[in-house]
Amino acid sequence: MAKDSVFTAHVLDQMQWFAPVTARRMFGGTGLFLEELMFALIFDNTLYLKADSQSLSDFEVQGLQPFSYERGGREIALSYFQAPEEALDDKDVLLDWASRAYAAALRAAAAKRRPSPI
């Protein structure tokens, strides 16, 4: 089993303490989903969690970096930020951060469903 597969299996196993999380391979990484809503991303053996305006400062205060990639000579940053290292070793920390990420994903989905003002 490849190293990234071992890491993904470990994170997915740990996430089961949070909820029945599923994983899907995508774009060279793995998306983590709860109820068909992506709230986390694993890329290159790093766990990234969904962030938004309500949770961004939680990531920034710890110096956690956003997931980014290069396309067309430009750096593209997504709304997923590196999870704290201790989240991979401490179930309670992981549950807390996974809850924040899922809440951010729920808010993003709700914002997409809102009708635009006339």
Protein backbone atom coordinates (compact mmCIF):
# COMPACT_ATOMS: atom_id res chain seq x y z
CA MET A 1 0.00 0.00 0.00
CA ALA A 2 1.37 3.43 -0.94
CA LYS A 3 2.35 5.81 1.84
CA ASP A 4 -0.46 8.25 0.94
CA SER A 5 -2.98 5.41 1.07
CA VAL A 6 -1.81 4.49 4.58
CA PHE A 7 -2.15 8.12 5.69
CA THR A 8 -5.60 8.43 4.11
CA ALA A 9 -6.75 5.18 5.73
CA HIS A 10 -5.50 6.42 9.12
CA VAL A 11 -7.26 9.79 8.83
CA LEU A 12 -10.47 8.14 7.59
CA ASP A 13 -10.35 5.70 10.50
CA GLN A 14 -9.87 8.56 12.97
CA MET A 15 -12.71 10.55 11.36
CA GLN A 16 -15.16 7.76 12.16
CA TRP A 17 -15.12 9.06 15.73
CA PHE A 18 -16.63 12.24 14.29
CA ALA A 19 -19.17 10.78 11.86
CA PRO A 20 -19.54 8.24 9.03
CA VAL A 21 -17.05 10.04 6.79
CA THR A 22 -16.34 8.69 3.31
CA ALA A 23 -13.40 9.32 1.00
CA ARG A 24 -13.26 9.90 -2.75
CA ARG A 25 -10.16 10.19 -4.90
CA MET A 26 -10.11 13.46 -6.79
CA PHE A 27 -7.57 15.58 -8.64
CA GLY A 28 -4.58 13.70 -7.25
CA GLY A 29 -5.86 13.91 -3.69
CA THR A 30 -8.73 12.60 -1.60
CA GLY A 31 -11.86 14.47 -0.59
CA LEU A 32 -13.49 13.64 2.75
CA PHE A 33 -17.27 13.81 2.74
CA LEU A 34 -20.08 13.71 5.26
CA GLU A 35 -23.60 13.47 3.84
CA GLU A 36 -22.26 14.22 0.33
CA LEU A 37 -20.65 17.45 1.55
CA MET A 38 -16.88 17.80 1.23
CA PHE A 39 -15.35 19.25 4.38
CA ALA A 40 -11.75 18.06 4.21
CA LEU A 41 -9.06 17.25 1.69
CA ILE A 42 -6.00 15.03 1.87
CA PHE A 43 -3.19 15.87 -0.49
CA ASP A 44 0.42 14.76 -0.31
CA ASN A 45 -0.05 13.20 3.16
CA THR A 46 -1.47 16.41 4.58
CA LEU A 47 -4.97 16.90 5.97
CA TYR A 48 -6.67 20.16 5.03
CA LEU A 49 -9.95 21.32 6.57
CA LYS A 50 -12.64 23.60 5.15
CA ALA A 51 -12.47 27.19 6.43
CA ASP A 52 -14.63 30.26 5.96
CA SER A 53 -14.88 33.79 7.32
CA GLN A 54 -16.11 32.48 10.68
CA SER A 55 -13.29 29.99 11.17
CA LEU A 56 -10.38 31.45 9.19
CA SER A 57 -8.82 33.16 12.20
CA ASP A 58 -8.64 29.79 14.02
CA PHE A 59 -6.27 28.57 11.31
CA GLU A 60 -4.36 31.83 10.95
CA VAL A 61 -3.61 32.21 14.67
CA GLN A 62 -1.86 28.82 14.54
CA GLY A 63 0.04 29.69 11.38
CA LEU A 64 -1.68 26.94 9.37
CA GLN A 65 -1.29 27.23 5.61
CA PRO A 66 -4.00 27.05 2.94
CA PHE A 67 -4.08 24.31 0.35
CA SER A 68 -2.83 25.83 -2.89
CA TYR A 69 -1.67 24.75 -6.30
CA GLU A 70 -0.25 26.39 -9.39
CA ARG A 71 -2.27 26.78 -12.57
CA GLY A 72 -1.32 28.88 -15.56
CA GLY A 73 1.60 30.40 -13.71
CA ARG A 74 -0.64 31.57 -10.85
CA GLU A 75 -0.92 30.30 -7.30
CA ILE A 76 -4.51 29.25 -6.53
CA ALA A 77 -5.46 28.98 -2.83
CA LEU A 78 -8.61 27.13 -1.82
CA SER A 79 -10.71 27.50 1.32
CA TYR A 80 -9.02 24.48 2.91
CA PHE A 81 -6.30 24.95 5.51
CA GLN A 82 -3.78 22.55 6.96
CA ALA A 83 -5.04 20.78 10.08
CA PRO A 84 -3.04 21.21 13.27
CA GLU A 85 -0.50 18.41 13.80
CA GLU A 86 -2.07 17.45 17.13
CA ALA A 87 -5.37 16.72 15.36
CA LEU A 88 -3.76 13.63 13.84
CA ASP A 89 -2.78 12.27 17.26
CA ASP A 90 -5.56 13.44 19.58
CA LYS A 91 -9.12 12.29 18.94
CA ASP A 92 -10.70 15.19 20.84
CA VAL A 93 -8.68 17.76 18.89
CA LEU A 94 -9.61 16.08 15.61
CA LEU A 95 -13.32 16.05 16.55
CA ASP A 96 -13.20 19.76 17.36
CA TRP A 97 -11.49 20.74 14.10
CA ALA A 98 -13.60 18.37 11.98
CA SER A 99 -16.73 19.93 13.49
CA ARG A 100 -15.50 23.41 12.57
CA ALA A 101 -14.71 22.27 9.03
CA TYR A 102 -18.08 20.61 8.57
CA ALA A 103 -19.86 23.72 9.90
CA ALA A 104 -17.95 25.83 7.35
CA ALA A 105 -18.97 23.42 4.58
CA LEU A 106 -22.61 23.62 5.70
CA ARG A 107 -22.50 27.44 5.66
CA ALA A 108 -20.95 27.43 2.17
CA ALA A 109 -23.63 25.05 0.89
CA ALA A 110 -26.40 27.16 2.43
CA ALA A 111 -25.00 30.30 0.82
CA LYS A 112 -25.07 28.61 -2.58
CA ARG A 113 -28.73 27.67 -2.12
CA ARG A 114 -29.86 31.19 -1.15
CA PRO A 115 -31.81 32.90 -3.90
CA SER A 116 -30.14 36.00 -5.22
CA PRO A 117 -31.88 39.30 -4.43
CA ILE A 118 -33.88 40.85 -7.24
